[in-house]
Amino acid sequence: MQIYDGKNHAGGQYERFIRDMILDLLNGQETRWGVLNWPPIPGLKLPSASRRRAANSAFINRLRAFVDGFIQTGIDSNGVETPSSRRVRASVDESPIMTVSADESPVVIFDEIHESWRRNQPRPLLNGDGTTAVGVNQPRWESQDAELYARDMATYFFQELLASPFWSCIGKCVNPNCKRYFFRKRQRKTAVKRGSYCGNCKLVGGAERTRLSRERAKLEMLKVAGQAWQDWGSRGRRTDRAAWVADRVNKVFGKTRFIRPKWVNQNREAIETLVGEEPQALLGEGAGGGTRLLPRSRRVKAGQEAG
């Protein structure tokens, strides 16, 4: 059976066209998503300007919600993104896959696609040679509710993305000052471990990845220091505690991150927190009745007075 969709698929021309159009729609660079946004057509009854504006908001909110929810399915609880694992329907033992949006209530993605398909089912056609074909096209404007038509159009464009070879290439920049959508040039073979950034934010992404890498390395060093901190106290050693802990840390990280006792003193509160001890340095009262670590000069003075 033949399928007529009116699209030129030769050489992937239509796929590239719809990829670029969807990207422009998501980023607000293209607004002509359906008949309600076209120039007025004589004899075509359209809703009021205010209802068309509401429909336009409904379209872009739903399209972005679909894409954001779809992208989220490829991100695990640790923030690692695997685009090839994206999907629109959950397995039997999973919660339904929902849209993600700050502008509308979440809906079940697959259910919305199914309901839109029911309203806009493909139409059987009879060819001149007596054979049967199926006509597939975008939702038709038939004076229905403007916002419902807009959401059906959003579903149509989302399905076009799913049917294209670019469904695993779409991404959304995690830079909070950007949040633009983009397409990668090719499908990733490896996971994205530190967030996806568009081409304009690569430097921001590099700086963020460096910061996160340093934080993870410091946390590992603090864990080793915490264990050494406990070992020193349990064995009644008379050597300088900070120097002994620094030596233990350097045995593990010294080739790449050599530290001195000063580092231990600077991170003493964090070390004691990790091992579950009450900070042993003299504490002062902070704002709101809390506690804070006194500056070194005040700790030394307080220690002299106590002696």
Protein backbone atom coordinates (compact mmCIF):
# COMPACT_ATOMS: atom_id res chain seq x y z
CA MET A 1 0.00 0.00 0.00
CA GLN A 2 1.28 3.42 -0.93
CA ILE A 3 1.49 6.30 1.53
CA TYR A 4 1.01 9.82 0.20
CA ASP A 5 2.32 12.55 2.44
CA GLY A 6 3.27 15.19 -0.15
CA LYS A 7 6.89 15.31 1.04
CA ASN A 8 10.06 15.10 -1.00
CA HIS A 9 12.17 12.52 0.83
CA ALA A 10 14.78 12.22 -1.94
CA GLY A 11 18.24 12.64 -0.49
CA GLY A 12 16.79 13.54 2.92
CA GLN A 13 15.63 16.96 1.69
CA TYR A 14 12.39 17.00 3.64
CA GLU A 15 14.06 15.67 6.79
CA ARG A 16 16.58 18.53 6.75
CA PHE A 17 13.83 21.04 6.02
CA ILE A 18 11.63 19.91 8.91
CA ARG A 19 14.67 19.73 11.22
CA ASP A 20 15.50 23.38 10.57
CA MET A 21 11.85 24.45 10.84
CA ILE A 22 11.32 22.68 14.17
CA LEU A 23 14.49 24.26 15.54
CA ASP A 24 13.33 27.74 14.47
CA LEU A 25 9.90 27.14 16.00
CA LEU A 26 11.38 26.03 19.32
CA ASN A 27 13.71 29.03 19.48
CA GLY A 28 11.02 31.52 18.45
CA GLN A 29 12.65 32.39 15.11
CA GLU A 30 9.75 30.97 13.10
CA THR A 31 6.09 31.69 13.91
CA ARG A 32 4.22 30.31 10.89
CA TRP A 33 3.21 26.95 12.29
CA GLY A 34 -0.31 26.70 10.86
CA VAL A 35 -3.21 28.39 9.13
CA LEU A 36 -3.90 30.63 12.14
CA ASN A 37 -0.52 32.30 11.59
CA TRP A 38 -0.76 32.68 7.83
CA PRO A 39 -1.84 35.92 6.14
CA PRO A 40 -5.67 36.17 6.00
CA ILE A 41 -7.21 33.93 3.36
CA PRO A 42 -10.40 35.28 1.70
CA GLY A 43 -13.45 33.21 2.60
CA LEU A 44 -11.69 31.35 5.43
CA LYS A 45 -13.38 31.88 8.78
CA LEU A 46 -10.74 32.42 11.45
CA PRO A 47 -11.07 33.17 15.20
CA SER A 48 -10.42 36.61 16.65
CA ALA A 49 -6.93 38.04 16.98
CA SER A 50 -6.89 37.42 20.74
CA ARG A 51 -7.83 33.76 20.28
CA ARG A 52 -5.15 33.37 17.62
CA ARG A 53 -2.57 34.81 20.03
CA ALA A 54 -3.72 32.35 22.70
CA ALA A 55 -3.45 29.54 20.16
CA ASN A 56 0.08 30.62 19.28
CA SER A 57 1.09 30.44 22.96
CA ALA A 58 -0.59 27.04 23.28
CA PHE A 59 1.35 25.76 20.25
CA ILE A 60 4.82 26.83 21.36
CA ASN A 61 4.24 25.79 24.99
CA ARG A 62 3.10 22.32 23.96
CA LEU A 63 5.87 21.80 21.38
CA ARG A 64 8.55 22.78 23.90
CA ALA A 65 6.89 20.65 26.59
CA PHE A 66 6.95 17.63 24.26
CA VAL A 67 10.62 18.12 23.38
CA ASP A 68 11.70 18.85 26.98
CA GLY A 69 9.90 15.77 28.28
CA PHE A 70 11.37 13.66 25.48
CA ILE A 71 14.91 14.89 26.20
CA GLN A 72 14.42 14.24 29.93
CA THR A 73 13.75 10.53 29.30
CA GLY A 74 17.37 10.18 28.22
CA ILE A 75 18.78 11.66 31.45
CA ASP A 76 19.27 9.39 34.45
CA SER A 77 19.14 10.21 38.18
CA ASN A 78 22.85 11.14 38.13
CA GLY A 79 22.36 13.72 35.37
CA VAL A 80 24.06 11.57 32.72
CA GLU A 81 22.38 12.01 29.33
CA THR A 82 22.14 9.16 26.82
CA PRO A 83 20.20 10.52 23.81
CA SER A 84 19.78 7.08 22.23
CA SER A 85 17.64 5.95 25.22
CA ARG A 86 14.93 8.58 24.71
CA ARG A 87 11.36 7.39 24.29
CA VAL A 88 7.74 8.56 24.48
CA ARG A 89 6.09 5.54 26.07
CA ALA A 90 6.98 4.02 29.43
CA SER A 91 7.30 0.31 30.07
CA VAL A 92 4.71 -1.54 32.15
CA ASP A 93 6.54 -1.08 35.46
CA GLU A 94 7.37 2.62 34.93
CA SER A 95 5.47 5.82 35.58
CA PRO A 96 3.99 7.48 32.46
CA ILE A 97 6.33 9.76 30.54
CA MET A 98 5.14 13.33 30.98
CA THR A 99 5.73 16.62 29.24
CA VAL A 100 7.98 19.12 31.04
CA SER A 101 6.91 22.75 31.09
CA ALA A 102 6.70 25.72 33.42
CA ASP A 103 3.88 27.20 31.31
CA GLU A 104 1.31 24.39 31.32
CA SER A 105 0.29 21.38 33.37
CA PRO A 106 2.14 18.15 32.51
CA VAL A 107 0.36 15.61 30.31
CA VAL A 108 1.20 12.04 29.30
CA ILE A 109 3.09 12.31 26.02
CA PHE A 110 1.92 9.10 24.40
CA ASP A 111 -1.72 9.70 25.38
CA GLU A 112 -1.62 13.17 23.81
CA ILE A 113 -0.16 11.76 20.60
CA HIS A 114 -2.85 9.08 20.52
CA GLU A 115 -5.71 11.55 21.07
CA SER A 116 -4.37 13.85 18.36
CA TRP A 117 -4.10 10.88 16.01
CA ARG A 118 -7.72 9.98 16.70
CA ARG A 119 -8.81 13.51 15.80
CA ASN A 120 -6.66 13.63 12.67
CA GLN A 121 -6.57 10.07 11.34
CA PRO A 122 -4.93 9.26 8.00
CA ARG A 123 -7.46 9.04 5.18
CA PRO A 124 -7.82 6.10 2.77
CA LEU A 125 -7.55 7.06 -0.90
CA LEU A 126 -8.52 5.26 -4.11
CA ASN A 127 -5.99 5.55 -6.92
CA GLY A 128 -6.99 5.81 -10.55
CA ASP A 129 -5.71 2.29 -11.18
CA GLY A 130 -8.03 0.87 -8.55
CA THR A 131 -5.40 0.43 -5.84
CA THR A 132 -5.69 1.86 -2.32
CA ALA A 133 -3.39 4.39 -0.71
CA VAL A 134 -3.21 6.24 2.59
CA GLY A 135 -3.12 10.02 2.69
CA VAL A 136 -1.14 11.46 5.59
CA ASN A 137 -1.01 15.19 6.24
CA GLN A 138 -0.97 17.74 9.03
CA PRO A 139 -4.15 18.57 11.00
CA ARG A 140 -6.71 20.54 9.02
CA TRP A 141 -8.34 23.73 10.20
CA GLU A 142 -12.10 23.09 10.33
CA SER A 143 -13.25 25.89 12.64
CA GLN A 144 -12.52 23.78 15.72
CA ASP A 145 -11.27 25.22 19.01
CA ALA A 146 -8.22 27.34 18.18
CA GLU A 147 -6.06 26.11 21.08
CA LEU A 148 -6.95 22.48 20.38
CA TYR A 149 -5.91 22.95 16.76
CA ALA A 150 -2.66 24.56 17.96
CA ARG A 151 -1.86 21.65 20.26
CA ASP A 152 -2.62 19.18 17.45
CA MET A 153 -0.18 21.08 15.25
CA ALA A 154 2.43 20.91 18.02
CA THR A 155 1.86 17.13 18.17
CA TYR A 156 2.25 16.94 14.39
CA PHE A 157 5.63 18.71 14.43
CA PHE A 158 6.78 16.59 17.37
CA GLN A 159 5.87 13.42 15.48
CA GLU A 160 7.80 14.73 12.48
CA LEU A 161 10.82 15.04 14.75
CA LEU A 162 10.32 11.49 16.04
CA ALA A 163 10.08 10.16 12.47
CA SER A 164 13.25 11.96 11.36
CA PRO A 165 16.81 10.65 11.78
CA PHE A 166 17.53 13.64 14.04
CA TRP A 167 15.43 12.66 17.07
CA SER A 168 18.52 11.74 19.08
CA CYS A 169 20.47 14.80 17.94
CA ILE A 170 18.25 17.50 19.41
CA GLY A 171 19.42 19.08 22.64
CA LYS A 172 18.71 22.01 24.93
CA CYS A 173 21.49 24.19 26.30
CA VAL A 174 21.76 23.86 30.08
CA ASN A 175 23.31 27.31 30.42
CA PRO A 176 20.59 29.14 32.42
CA ASN A 177 21.31 32.33 30.46
CA CYS A 178 20.75 30.59 27.13
CA LYS A 179 18.42 27.54 27.13
CA ARG A 180 18.34 27.48 23.33
CA TYR A 181 17.55 24.33 21.41
CA PHE A 182 20.10 22.94 18.98
CA PHE A 183 20.87 19.90 16.83
CA ARG A 184 24.14 18.04 17.07
CA LYS A 185 25.84 17.34 13.76
CA ARG A 186 25.79 13.61 14.41
CA GLN A 187 24.41 11.11 16.88
CA ARG A 188 26.47 10.74 20.03
CA LYS A 189 27.98 7.34 20.66
CA THR A 190 28.85 8.17 24.26
CA ALA A 191 26.86 9.62 27.15
CA VAL A 192 26.84 13.33 28.05
CA LYS A 193 28.05 13.44 31.64
CA ARG A 194 28.19 17.15 32.41
CA GLY A 195 25.28 18.75 30.58
CA SER A 196 24.58 19.70 26.97
CA TYR A 197 25.68 23.10 25.70
CA CYS A 198 24.98 24.79 22.37
CA GLY A 199 27.77 26.03 20.11
CA ASN A 200 27.62 29.54 21.58
CA CYS A 201 28.07 28.26 25.14
CA LYS A 202 30.93 25.79 24.71
CA LEU A 203 33.27 27.99 26.74
CA VAL A 204 30.69 28.19 29.53
CA GLY A 205 30.29 24.43 29.36
CA GLY A 206 34.05 23.93 29.51
CA ALA A 207 34.35 26.15 32.57
CA GLU A 208 31.46 24.34 34.27
CA ARG A 209 32.94 20.93 33.51
CA THR A 210 36.28 22.08 34.97
CA ARG A 211 34.54 23.35 38.12
CA LEU A 212 32.61 20.10 38.59
CA SER A 213 35.74 18.04 37.99
CA ARG A 214 37.63 20.01 40.63
CA GLU A 215 34.75 19.68 43.09
CA ARG A 216 34.66 15.91 42.63
CA ALA A 217 38.43 15.66 43.06
CA LYS A 218 38.31 17.78 46.22
CA LEU A 219 35.51 15.66 47.66
CA GLU A 220 37.57 12.51 47.11
CA MET A 221 40.52 14.17 48.86
CA LEU A 222 38.29 15.22 51.74
CA LYS A 223 37.08 11.63 52.15
CA VAL A 224 40.66 10.37 52.42
CA ALA A 225 41.49 13.22 54.80
CA GLY A 226 38.43 12.37 56.92
CA GLN A 227 39.52 8.76 57.29
CA ALA A 228 43.03 9.89 58.20
CA TRP A 229 41.57 12.39 60.68
CA GLN A 230 39.78 9.57 62.47
CA ASP A 231 42.81 7.27 62.38
CA TRP A 232 45.01 9.92 63.97
CA GLY A 233 42.57 10.46 66.85
CA SER A 234 42.01 6.76 67.53
CA ARG A 235 45.71 5.93 67.86
CA GLY A 236 46.76 8.80 70.14
CA ARG A 237 49.51 10.07 67.90
CA ARG A 238 51.64 12.93 69.13
CA THR A 239 52.67 14.27 65.71
CA ASP A 240 51.01 17.35 64.29
CA ARG A 241 47.57 16.20 63.16
CA ALA A 242 47.36 18.42 60.07
CA ALA A 243 50.82 17.35 58.88
CA TRP A 244 50.02 13.67 59.42
CA VAL A 245 46.68 13.93 57.56
CA ALA A 246 48.32 15.81 54.68
CA ASP A 247 50.92 13.06 54.40
CA ARG A 248 48.17 10.41 54.18
CA VAL A 249 46.34 12.38 51.48
CA ASN A 250 49.56 12.86 49.49
CA LYS A 251 50.14 9.12 49.47
CA VAL A 252 46.94 8.82 47.43
CA PHE A 253 46.84 12.06 45.42
CA GLY A 254 50.37 13.43 45.72
CA LYS A 255 51.31 12.78 42.09
CA THR A 256 48.53 15.02 40.79
CA ARG A 257 47.35 17.13 43.74
CA PHE A 258 50.06 17.61 46.37
CA ILE A 259 48.85 19.39 49.51
CA ARG A 260 50.42 20.85 52.63
CA PRO A 261 49.15 20.95 56.23
CA LYS A 262 47.70 24.38 55.50
CA TRP A 263 45.12 22.72 53.20
CA VAL A 264 44.01 20.47 56.08
CA ASN A 265 43.59 23.44 58.42
CA GLN A 266 41.68 25.39 55.78
CA ASN A 267 39.29 22.48 55.20
CA ARG A 268 39.13 21.30 58.81
CA GLU A 269 35.43 22.04 59.26
CA ALA A 270 34.52 20.14 56.09
CA ILE A 271 36.67 17.19 57.15
CA GLU A 272 35.06 17.03 60.59
CA THR A 273 31.62 17.28 59.03
CA LEU A 274 32.41 14.34 56.75
CA VAL A 275 33.46 12.14 59.67
CA GLY A 276 30.45 13.22 61.71
CA GLU A 277 32.32 15.05 64.44
CA GLU A 278 31.49 18.36 66.04
CA PRO A 279 34.10 20.80 64.73
CA GLN A 280 36.89 20.88 67.31
CA ALA A 281 38.11 24.38 66.53
CA LEU A 282 36.75 27.10 68.81
CA LEU A 283 33.34 28.17 67.60
CA GLY A 284 31.65 31.53 67.82
CA GLU A 285 28.01 32.46 67.59
CA GLY A 286 26.86 33.30 64.08
CA ALA A 287 23.85 35.15 62.74
CA GLY A 288 20.51 33.70 63.77
CA GLY A 289 21.93 31.83 66.74
CA GLY A 290 24.02 29.46 64.63
CA THR A 291 27.72 28.81 64.89
CA ARG A 292 30.63 29.79 62.73
CA LEU A 293 34.32 29.02 62.72
CA LEU A 294 36.25 31.84 64.32
CA PRO A 295 39.04 33.48 62.30
CA ARG A 296 42.49 32.00 62.97
CA SER A 297 43.72 35.13 64.81
CA ARG A 298 40.78 34.93 67.26
CA ARG A 299 41.19 31.17 67.76
CA VAL A 300 44.86 31.63 68.69
CA LYS A 301 44.01 34.47 71.10
CA ALA A 302 41.19 32.48 72.69
CA GLY A 303 43.49 29.51 73.09
CA GLN A 304 46.12 31.64 74.85
CA GLU A 305 43.52 33.02 77.23
CA ALA A 306 42.24 29.54 78.00
CA GLY A 307 45.80 28.43 78.78
